[in-house]
Amino acid sequence: MAIRPMVYEPDPVLRTRAQEVDDFGDEFQVLVDDMFETMYANKGCGLAAPQIGISLRASVIDLSEQSQNPFVIVNPKIIERRGEHKMDAGCLSVPGAYAAVLRSQWVKVQALDRLGKPFEVEGDGLLAECLQHEIDHLDGLLFIDHLQPLKKKMVQGKSRKFRKKNKL
């Protein structure tokens, strides 16, 4: 396993709809392992392949405190959603910046696991937020795209300053 370099906004790979995964072989398994390692090293709870420069529809998620509940969503689709709520959002590809984003309170997602087996996951609160955030990445969207233009500019500026200060 390896920690892969992160890609930061405004990199074009983050703005492109990622390609469907159709090969679940050894190379993809290494990618998934590297994505988990990269996510944990960066203290994230989710990471999409485009965030490490790979345009594939795959994300890793682990919302547990001790990294004991990892799962993978491949070629995911939100098939049902309910309610709305605002939640503070941040992103490993927009480091040092946070903003409240309106999202669905509850979602049901259809996806494939890391071996290509279909499954569904549903969740509310933080899990719903994370699923929507990761699927947005696969569609070429960032959390800042859900903000009003002025707020978006402010958040982008804050992230640029953070990256410069931390040499990212």
N, C-alpha and C. Protein backbone atom coordinates (compact mmCIF):
# COMPACT_ATOMS: atom_id res chain seq x y z
N MET A 1 0.84 -1.19 0.00
CA MET A 1 0.00 0.00 0.00
C MET A 1 0.88 1.24 0.00
N ALA A 2 0.30 2.31 -0.55
CA ALA A 2 1.06 3.56 -0.66
C ALA A 2 0.13 4.75 -0.46
N ILE A 3 0.70 5.80 0.07
CA ILE A 3 -0.03 7.06 0.17
C ILE A 3 0.19 7.79 -1.15
N ARG A 4 -0.89 8.10 -1.82
CA ARG A 4 -0.83 8.77 -3.12
C ARG A 4 -0.94 10.28 -2.92
N PRO A 5 -0.35 11.06 -3.84
CA PRO A 5 -0.46 12.52 -3.74
C PRO A 5 -1.89 12.99 -3.97
N MET A 6 -2.30 13.96 -3.18
CA MET A 6 -3.63 14.55 -3.30
C MET A 6 -3.65 15.53 -4.47
N VAL A 7 -4.84 15.70 -5.04
CA VAL A 7 -5.09 16.68 -6.08
C VAL A 7 -5.98 17.76 -5.46
N TYR A 8 -5.65 19.02 -5.74
CA TYR A 8 -6.37 20.13 -5.13
C TYR A 8 -7.13 20.96 -6.16
N GLU A 9 -8.21 21.56 -5.70
CA GLU A 9 -8.98 22.49 -6.51
C GLU A 9 -8.03 23.61 -6.90
N PRO A 10 -7.93 24.01 -8.15
CA PRO A 10 -8.83 23.83 -9.29
C PRO A 10 -8.39 22.78 -10.32
N ASP A 11 -7.70 21.72 -9.92
CA ASP A 11 -7.26 20.71 -10.88
C ASP A 11 -8.43 20.20 -11.73
N PRO A 12 -8.27 20.13 -13.04
CA PRO A 12 -9.37 19.73 -13.93
C PRO A 12 -9.93 18.32 -13.67
N VAL A 13 -9.14 17.40 -13.14
CA VAL A 13 -9.66 16.05 -12.88
C VAL A 13 -10.80 16.10 -11.87
N LEU A 14 -10.80 17.10 -11.00
CA LEU A 14 -11.86 17.24 -10.01
C LEU A 14 -13.14 17.78 -10.62
N ARG A 15 -13.07 18.28 -11.84
CA ARG A 15 -14.22 18.89 -12.51
C ARG A 15 -14.74 18.05 -13.66
N THR A 16 -14.29 16.80 -13.75
CA THR A 16 -14.67 15.91 -14.83
C THR A 16 -15.44 14.73 -14.27
N ARG A 17 -16.54 14.36 -14.93
CA ARG A 17 -17.27 13.16 -14.51
C ARG A 17 -16.35 11.96 -14.70
N ALA A 18 -16.16 11.20 -13.62
CA ALA A 18 -15.25 10.05 -13.64
C ALA A 18 -15.85 8.90 -14.45
N GLN A 19 -14.97 8.04 -14.95
CA GLN A 19 -15.38 6.91 -15.78
C GLN A 19 -15.82 5.73 -14.91
N GLU A 20 -16.79 4.97 -15.43
CA GLU A 20 -17.29 3.78 -14.75
C GLU A 20 -16.14 2.77 -14.58
N VAL A 21 -16.17 2.06 -13.48
CA VAL A 21 -15.21 0.98 -13.24
C VAL A 21 -15.80 -0.30 -13.83
N ASP A 22 -15.00 -0.99 -14.64
CA ASP A 22 -15.46 -2.28 -15.18
C ASP A 22 -14.43 -3.39 -15.00
N ASP A 23 -13.27 -3.03 -14.45
CA ASP A 23 -12.22 -4.03 -14.19
C ASP A 23 -11.91 -4.00 -12.70
N PHE A 24 -12.24 -5.09 -12.01
CA PHE A 24 -12.06 -5.18 -10.56
C PHE A 24 -10.84 -6.04 -10.21
N GLY A 25 -9.88 -6.11 -11.12
CA GLY A 25 -8.70 -6.95 -10.95
C GLY A 25 -7.70 -6.40 -9.95
N ASP A 26 -6.50 -6.96 -10.00
CA ASP A 26 -5.44 -6.64 -9.04
C ASP A 26 -5.10 -5.15 -9.01
N GLU A 27 -5.03 -4.52 -10.17
CA GLU A 27 -4.68 -3.10 -10.22
C GLU A 27 -5.71 -2.25 -9.48
N PHE A 28 -6.98 -2.59 -9.65
CA PHE A 28 -8.04 -1.85 -8.95
C PHE A 28 -7.96 -2.11 -7.45
N GLN A 29 -7.66 -3.33 -7.04
CA GLN A 29 -7.55 -3.65 -5.62
C GLN A 29 -6.41 -2.88 -4.97
N VAL A 30 -5.30 -2.72 -5.67
CA VAL A 30 -4.19 -1.91 -5.16
C VAL A 30 -4.63 -0.45 -5.03
N LEU A 31 -5.36 0.04 -6.04
CA LEU A 31 -5.86 1.41 -5.98
C LEU A 31 -6.73 1.62 -4.75
N VAL A 32 -7.66 0.71 -4.50
CA VAL A 32 -8.54 0.83 -3.33
C VAL A 32 -7.73 0.84 -2.04
N ASP A 33 -6.78 -0.07 -1.90
CA ASP A 33 -5.93 -0.09 -0.70
C ASP A 33 -5.17 1.23 -0.54
N ASP A 34 -4.64 1.74 -1.65
CA ASP A 34 -3.91 3.02 -1.60
C ASP A 34 -4.84 4.17 -1.24
N MET A 35 -6.08 4.11 -1.73
CA MET A 35 -7.05 5.17 -1.39
C MET A 35 -7.34 5.18 0.11
N PHE A 36 -7.52 3.99 0.70
CA PHE A 36 -7.73 3.95 2.16
C PHE A 36 -6.52 4.51 2.89
N GLU A 37 -5.33 4.08 2.50
CA GLU A 37 -4.12 4.56 3.16
C GLU A 37 -3.98 6.08 3.02
N THR A 38 -4.28 6.60 1.85
CA THR A 38 -4.20 8.05 1.60
C THR A 38 -5.24 8.79 2.43
N MET A 39 -6.46 8.26 2.47
CA MET A 39 -7.53 8.89 3.26
C MET A 39 -7.15 8.94 4.74
N TYR A 40 -6.69 7.82 5.30
CA TYR A 40 -6.33 7.78 6.71
C TYR A 40 -5.14 8.71 7.00
N ALA A 41 -4.16 8.75 6.11
CA ALA A 41 -2.99 9.61 6.32
C ALA A 41 -3.37 11.08 6.33
N ASN A 42 -4.42 11.43 5.59
CA ASN A 42 -4.87 12.82 5.51
C ASN A 42 -6.01 13.12 6.48
N LYS A 43 -6.31 12.16 7.36
CA LYS A 43 -7.33 12.31 8.39
C LYS A 43 -8.71 12.62 7.80
N GLY A 44 -9.04 11.93 6.70
CA GLY A 44 -10.34 12.10 6.07
C GLY A 44 -11.28 10.98 6.45
N CYS A 45 -12.55 11.16 6.11
CA CYS A 45 -13.54 10.09 6.33
C CYS A 45 -14.06 9.57 4.99
N GLY A 46 -13.62 10.15 3.90
CA GLY A 46 -13.98 9.69 2.57
C GLY A 46 -12.95 10.20 1.58
N LEU A 47 -12.77 9.45 0.50
CA LEU A 47 -11.84 9.85 -0.55
C LEU A 47 -12.30 9.24 -1.86
N ALA A 48 -12.42 10.08 -2.88
CA ALA A 48 -12.80 9.63 -4.21
C ALA A 48 -11.55 9.52 -5.08
N ALA A 49 -11.56 8.59 -6.01
CA ALA A 49 -10.41 8.39 -6.89
C ALA A 49 -9.95 9.67 -7.58
N PRO A 50 -10.86 10.54 -8.06
CA PRO A 50 -10.38 11.78 -8.68
C PRO A 50 -9.53 12.65 -7.76
N GLN A 51 -9.69 12.50 -6.44
CA GLN A 51 -8.91 13.31 -5.50
C GLN A 51 -7.44 12.90 -5.47
N ILE A 52 -7.13 11.76 -6.07
CA ILE A 52 -5.72 11.37 -6.23
C ILE A 52 -5.36 11.29 -7.71
N GLY A 53 -6.17 11.98 -8.53
CA GLY A 53 -5.86 12.11 -9.95
C GLY A 53 -6.31 10.96 -10.83
N ILE A 54 -7.14 10.06 -10.32
CA ILE A 54 -7.61 8.89 -11.07
C ILE A 54 -9.08 9.09 -11.41
N SER A 55 -9.40 9.18 -12.69
CA SER A 55 -10.78 9.44 -13.09
C SER A 55 -11.58 8.13 -13.18
N LEU A 56 -11.86 7.56 -12.01
CA LEU A 56 -12.69 6.36 -11.90
C LEU A 56 -13.77 6.60 -10.86
N ARG A 57 -14.94 5.98 -11.07
CA ARG A 57 -16.08 6.15 -10.16
C ARG A 57 -15.94 5.20 -8.97
N ALA A 58 -15.01 5.53 -8.09
CA ALA A 58 -14.77 4.73 -6.89
C ALA A 58 -14.43 5.66 -5.74
N SER A 59 -15.02 5.37 -4.57
CA SER A 59 -14.74 6.12 -3.35
C SER A 59 -14.60 5.16 -2.19
N VAL A 60 -13.78 5.56 -1.24
CA VAL A 60 -13.64 4.82 0.02
C VAL A 60 -14.19 5.69 1.13
N ILE A 61 -14.79 5.04 2.12
CA ILE A 61 -15.43 5.75 3.24
C ILE A 61 -15.16 4.99 4.52
N ASP A 62 -14.89 5.72 5.59
CA ASP A 62 -14.81 5.13 6.93
C ASP A 62 -15.11 6.24 7.93
N LEU A 63 -16.28 6.17 8.54
CA LEU A 63 -16.71 7.19 9.49
C LEU A 63 -16.39 6.81 10.94
N SER A 64 -15.78 5.66 11.14
CA SER A 64 -15.51 5.18 12.50
C SER A 64 -14.31 5.91 13.10
N GLU A 65 -14.26 5.90 14.42
CA GLU A 65 -13.17 6.55 15.16
C GLU A 65 -11.83 5.84 14.99
N GLN A 66 -11.86 4.52 14.92
CA GLN A 66 -10.63 3.72 14.94
C GLN A 66 -10.36 3.01 13.61
N SER A 67 -10.88 3.52 12.51
CA SER A 67 -10.68 2.93 11.19
C SER A 67 -11.13 1.48 11.13
N GLN A 68 -12.26 1.17 11.77
CA GLN A 68 -12.70 -0.22 11.83
C GLN A 68 -13.94 -0.49 10.98
N ASN A 69 -14.43 0.50 10.22
CA ASN A 69 -15.63 0.27 9.42
C ASN A 69 -15.47 0.79 7.99
N PRO A 70 -14.41 0.36 7.29
CA PRO A 70 -14.19 0.85 5.93
C PRO A 70 -15.12 0.17 4.93
N PHE A 71 -15.57 0.95 3.95
CA PHE A 71 -16.28 0.34 2.84
C PHE A 71 -16.03 1.14 1.57
N VAL A 72 -16.33 0.52 0.45
CA VAL A 72 -16.04 1.08 -0.87
C VAL A 72 -17.35 1.19 -1.63
N ILE A 73 -17.52 2.30 -2.35
CA ILE A 73 -18.65 2.42 -3.27
C ILE A 73 -18.09 2.63 -4.67
N VAL A 74 -18.50 1.77 -5.58
CA VAL A 74 -18.04 1.82 -6.97
C VAL A 74 -19.25 2.02 -7.86
N ASN A 75 -19.13 2.93 -8.81
CA ASN A 75 -20.22 3.27 -9.74
C ASN A 75 -21.53 3.54 -8.99
N PRO A 76 -21.48 4.35 -7.92
CA PRO A 76 -22.67 4.56 -7.09
C PRO A 76 -23.71 5.47 -7.75
N LYS A 77 -24.96 5.25 -7.34
CA LYS A 77 -26.09 6.09 -7.77
C LYS A 77 -27.00 6.30 -6.57
N ILE A 78 -27.39 7.54 -6.36
CA ILE A 78 -28.40 7.82 -5.33
C ILE A 78 -29.75 7.46 -5.94
N ILE A 79 -30.45 6.53 -5.30
CA ILE A 79 -31.73 6.08 -5.85
C ILE A 79 -32.92 6.61 -5.06
N GLU A 80 -32.66 7.16 -3.89
CA GLU A 80 -33.75 7.73 -3.09
C GLU A 80 -33.14 8.73 -2.12
N ARG A 81 -33.89 9.79 -1.85
CA ARG A 81 -33.44 10.81 -0.88
C ARG A 81 -34.64 11.42 -0.19
N ARG A 82 -34.41 11.85 1.06
CA ARG A 82 -35.48 12.47 1.85
C ARG A 82 -34.92 13.61 2.69
N GLY A 83 -35.78 14.61 2.89
CA GLY A 83 -35.44 15.70 3.80
C GLY A 83 -34.28 16.55 3.33
N GLU A 84 -34.02 17.60 4.11
CA GLU A 84 -32.89 18.48 3.85
C GLU A 84 -32.34 18.97 5.19
N HIS A 85 -31.05 19.23 5.19
CA HIS A 85 -30.44 19.86 6.36
C HIS A 85 -29.12 20.48 5.93
N LYS A 86 -28.68 21.46 6.71
CA LYS A 86 -27.39 22.09 6.46
C LYS A 86 -26.36 21.47 7.38
N MET A 87 -25.19 21.23 6.82
CA MET A 87 -24.13 20.62 7.60
C MET A 87 -22.80 21.23 7.16
N ASP A 88 -21.92 21.49 8.12
CA ASP A 88 -20.60 22.00 7.77
C ASP A 88 -19.87 20.96 6.95
N ALA A 89 -19.27 21.41 5.86
CA ALA A 89 -18.55 20.51 4.96
C ALA A 89 -17.13 21.01 4.78
N GLY A 90 -16.24 20.06 4.61
CA GLY A 90 -14.86 20.34 4.26
C GLY A 90 -14.45 19.31 3.24
N CYS A 91 -13.25 19.43 2.73
CA CYS A 91 -12.82 18.50 1.68
C CYS A 91 -11.30 18.43 1.65
N LEU A 92 -10.78 17.24 1.49
CA LEU A 92 -9.33 17.07 1.39
C LEU A 92 -8.76 17.77 0.17
N SER A 93 -9.57 17.99 -0.87
CA SER A 93 -9.12 18.67 -2.08
C SER A 93 -9.34 20.19 -2.03
N VAL A 94 -9.96 20.66 -0.95
CA VAL A 94 -10.14 22.10 -0.69
C VAL A 94 -9.73 22.30 0.77
N PRO A 95 -8.45 22.04 1.08
CA PRO A 95 -8.03 22.03 2.49
C PRO A 95 -8.08 23.40 3.15
N GLY A 96 -8.35 23.37 4.46
CA GLY A 96 -8.35 24.59 5.25
C GLY A 96 -9.60 25.43 5.12
N ALA A 97 -10.62 24.92 4.45
CA ALA A 97 -11.84 25.70 4.24
C ALA A 97 -13.06 24.85 4.55
N TYR A 98 -14.04 25.47 5.18
CA TYR A 98 -15.29 24.79 5.55
C TYR A 98 -16.45 25.73 5.30
N ALA A 99 -17.61 25.16 5.02
CA ALA A 99 -18.82 25.96 4.84
C ALA A 99 -20.03 25.07 5.02
N ALA A 100 -21.14 25.67 5.41
CA ALA A 100 -22.39 24.94 5.56
C ALA A 100 -22.99 24.68 4.18
N VAL A 101 -23.36 23.42 3.95
CA VAL A 101 -23.92 23.00 2.67
C VAL A 101 -25.26 22.33 2.91
N LEU A 102 -26.24 22.67 2.08
CA LEU A 102 -27.56 22.04 2.17
C LEU A 102 -27.52 20.72 1.41
N ARG A 103 -27.89 19.65 2.11
CA ARG A 103 -27.88 18.30 1.54
C ARG A 103 -29.16 17.58 1.96
N SER A 104 -29.40 16.44 1.33
CA SER A 104 -30.50 15.58 1.76
C SER A 104 -30.16 15.00 3.12
N GLN A 105 -31.16 14.89 3.99
CA GLN A 105 -30.98 14.33 5.33
C GLN A 105 -30.72 12.83 5.28
N TRP A 106 -31.38 12.15 4.33
CA TRP A 106 -31.30 10.69 4.23
C TRP A 106 -31.16 10.32 2.76
N VAL A 107 -30.31 9.33 2.46
CA VAL A 107 -30.16 8.84 1.09
C VAL A 107 -30.05 7.33 1.07
N LYS A 108 -30.45 6.77 -0.06
CA LYS A 108 -30.22 5.35 -0.35
C LYS A 108 -29.38 5.31 -1.62
N VAL A 109 -28.29 4.56 -1.57
CA VAL A 109 -27.34 4.49 -2.67
C VAL A 109 -27.20 3.05 -3.14
N GLN A 110 -27.20 2.89 -4.44
CA GLN A 110 -26.94 1.61 -5.08
C GLN A 110 -25.51 1.67 -5.61
N ALA A 111 -24.71 0.64 -5.32
CA ALA A 111 -23.31 0.67 -5.74
C ALA A 111 -22.79 -0.76 -5.89
N LEU A 112 -21.54 -0.84 -6.29
CA LEU A 112 -20.82 -2.11 -6.31
C LEU A 112 -19.75 -2.03 -5.23
N ASP A 113 -19.41 -3.18 -4.63
CA ASP A 113 -18.31 -3.19 -3.67
C ASP A 113 -16.98 -3.32 -4.42
N ARG A 114 -15.90 -3.43 -3.72
CA ARG A 114 -14.58 -3.45 -4.36
C ARG A 114 -14.35 -4.66 -5.25
N LEU A 115 -15.19 -5.70 -5.10
CA LEU A 115 -15.07 -6.89 -5.95
C LEU A 115 -16.10 -6.89 -7.09
N GLY A 116 -16.94 -5.85 -7.14
CA GLY A 116 -17.93 -5.75 -8.20
C GLY A 116 -19.29 -6.30 -7.84
N LYS A 117 -19.49 -6.65 -6.57
CA LYS A 117 -20.77 -7.20 -6.12
C LYS A 117 -21.73 -6.05 -5.78
N PRO A 118 -22.98 -6.09 -6.32
CA PRO A 118 -23.94 -5.02 -6.04
C PRO A 118 -24.40 -5.03 -4.58
N PHE A 119 -24.65 -3.83 -4.06
CA PHE A 119 -25.22 -3.69 -2.72
C PHE A 119 -25.90 -2.33 -2.62
N GLU A 120 -26.67 -2.15 -1.58
CA GLU A 120 -27.29 -0.86 -1.28
C GLU A 120 -26.87 -0.43 0.12
N VAL A 121 -26.72 0.86 0.28
CA VAL A 121 -26.43 1.42 1.60
C VAL A 121 -27.35 2.62 1.76
N GLU A 122 -27.90 2.76 2.95
CA GLU A 122 -28.72 3.92 3.24
C GLU A 122 -28.25 4.52 4.55
N GLY A 123 -28.41 5.82 4.66
CA GLY A 123 -27.97 6.46 5.88
C GLY A 123 -28.50 7.86 5.99
N ASP A 124 -28.40 8.39 7.21
CA ASP A 124 -28.79 9.76 7.45
C ASP A 124 -27.63 10.48 8.11
N GLY A 125 -27.81 11.76 8.37
CA GLY A 125 -26.78 12.54 9.04
C GLY A 125 -25.44 12.51 8.33
N LEU A 126 -24.39 12.21 9.10
CA LEU A 126 -23.03 12.23 8.56
C LEU A 126 -22.83 11.23 7.43
N LEU A 127 -23.40 10.04 7.54
CA LEU A 127 -23.25 9.06 6.46
C LEU A 127 -23.91 9.57 5.18
N ALA A 128 -25.10 10.15 5.29
CA ALA A 128 -25.77 10.71 4.10
C ALA A 128 -24.92 11.83 3.49
N GLU A 129 -24.37 12.69 4.34
CA GLU A 129 -23.52 13.78 3.88
C GLU A 129 -22.31 13.22 3.14
N CYS A 130 -21.66 12.25 3.73
CA CYS A 130 -20.45 11.67 3.13
C CYS A 130 -20.75 10.99 1.79
N LEU A 131 -21.82 10.22 1.73
CA LEU A 131 -22.19 9.56 0.48
C LEU A 131 -22.44 10.59 -0.62
N GLN A 132 -23.19 11.64 -0.30
CA GLN A 132 -23.47 12.68 -1.30
C GLN A 132 -22.20 13.41 -1.72
N HIS A 133 -21.35 13.69 -0.75
CA HIS A 133 -20.09 14.39 -1.02
C HIS A 133 -19.21 13.56 -1.96
N GLU A 134 -19.08 12.27 -1.67
CA GLU A 134 -18.23 11.41 -2.49
C GLU A 134 -18.81 11.22 -3.90
N ILE A 135 -20.11 11.07 -4.00
CA ILE A 135 -20.74 10.91 -5.32
C ILE A 135 -20.60 12.21 -6.11
N ASP A 136 -20.69 13.35 -5.43
CA ASP A 136 -20.43 14.62 -6.11
C ASP A 136 -19.03 14.61 -6.75
N HIS A 137 -18.02 14.16 -6.01
CA HIS A 137 -16.67 14.09 -6.56
C HIS A 137 -16.65 13.28 -7.85
N LEU A 138 -17.37 12.17 -7.87
CA LEU A 138 -17.37 11.31 -9.05
C LEU A 138 -18.10 11.96 -10.23
N ASP A 139 -18.94 12.95 -9.93
CA ASP A 139 -19.67 13.69 -10.96
C ASP A 139 -18.97 14.99 -11.34
N GLY A 140 -17.78 15.25 -10.77
CA GLY A 140 -17.04 16.47 -11.09
C GLY A 140 -17.46 17.69 -10.31
N LEU A 141 -18.07 17.47 -9.14
CA LEU A 141 -18.52 18.57 -8.29
C LEU A 141 -17.76 18.59 -6.97
N LEU A 142 -17.60 19.78 -6.40
CA LEU A 142 -17.01 19.95 -5.08
C LEU A 142 -18.05 20.59 -4.17
N PHE A 143 -17.84 20.49 -2.86
CA PHE A 143 -18.81 21.08 -1.93
C PHE A 143 -18.99 22.57 -2.16
N ILE A 144 -17.95 23.23 -2.65
CA ILE A 144 -18.03 24.67 -2.89
C ILE A 144 -19.02 25.01 -4.01
N ASP A 145 -19.33 24.04 -4.85
CA ASP A 145 -20.29 24.28 -5.94
C ASP A 145 -21.72 24.41 -5.42
N HIS A 146 -21.94 24.05 -4.16
CA HIS A 146 -23.26 24.18 -3.54
C HIS A 146 -23.42 25.52 -2.83
N LEU A 147 -22.40 26.38 -2.91
CA LEU A 147 -22.41 27.66 -2.21
C LEU A 147 -22.80 28.80 -3.15
N GLN A 148 -23.27 29.89 -2.56
CA GLN A 148 -23.53 31.11 -3.32
C GLN A 148 -22.19 31.63 -3.86
N PRO A 149 -22.19 32.35 -4.99
CA PRO A 149 -20.93 32.77 -5.63
C PRO A 149 -19.95 33.52 -4.71
N LEU A 150 -20.43 34.45 -3.90
CA LEU A 150 -19.53 35.20 -3.02
C LEU A 150 -18.91 34.29 -1.97
N LYS A 151 -19.73 33.44 -1.36
CA LYS A 151 -19.22 32.51 -0.35
C LYS A 151 -18.22 31.55 -0.98
N LYS A 152 -18.50 31.09 -2.19
CA LYS A 152 -17.60 30.18 -2.91
C LYS A 152 -16.23 30.84 -3.10
N LYS A 153 -16.21 32.10 -3.56
CA LYS A 153 -14.95 32.81 -3.75
C LYS A 153 -14.18 32.95 -2.44
N MET A 154 -14.89 33.23 -1.36
CA MET A 154 -14.24 33.37 -0.05
C MET A 154 -13.61 32.04 0.38
N VAL A 155 -14.33 30.96 0.21
CA VAL A 155 -13.82 29.64 0.61
C VAL A 155 -12.64 29.25 -0.26
N GLN A 156 -12.71 29.51 -1.57
CA GLN A 156 -11.59 29.20 -2.46
C GLN A 156 -10.35 30.00 -2.06
N GLY A 157 -10.53 31.28 -1.72
CA GLY A 157 -9.41 32.11 -1.29
C GLY A 157 -8.79 31.59 -0.01
N LYS A 158 -9.62 31.18 0.93
CA LYS A 158 -9.12 30.64 2.19
C LYS A 158 -8.31 29.36 1.94
N SER A 159 -8.79 28.53 1.04
CA SER A 159 -8.08 27.28 0.72
C SER A 159 -6.74 27.58 0.03
N ARG A 160 -6.73 28.54 -0.90
CA ARG A 160 -5.48 28.91 -1.57
C ARG A 160 -4.43 29.37 -0.56
N LYS A 161 -4.86 30.22 0.39
CA LYS A 161 -3.94 30.71 1.43
C LYS A 161 -3.42 29.56 2.27
N PHE A 162 -4.30 28.63 2.63
CA PHE A 162 -3.92 27.46 3.43
C PHE A 162 -2.89 26.62 2.68
N ARG A 163 -3.15 26.36 1.39
CA ARG A 163 -2.23 25.54 0.60
C ARG A 163 -0.87 26.21 0.47
N LYS A 164 -0.88 27.53 0.26
CA LYS A 164 0.38 28.27 0.13
C LYS A 164 1.16 28.23 1.43
N LYS A 165 0.47 28.49 2.53
CA LYS A 165 1.11 28.50 3.85
C LYS A 165 1.69 27.12 4.19
N ASN A 166 0.96 26.06 3.81
CA ASN A 166 1.39 24.70 4.14
C ASN A 166 2.13 24.02 2.99
N LYS A 167 2.44 24.77 1.95
CA LYS A 167 3.20 24.27 0.79
C LYS A 167 2.58 23.02 0.18
N LEU A 168 1.27 23.08 -0.04
CA LEU A 168 0.54 21.97 -0.67
C LEU A 168 0.36 22.21 -2.15
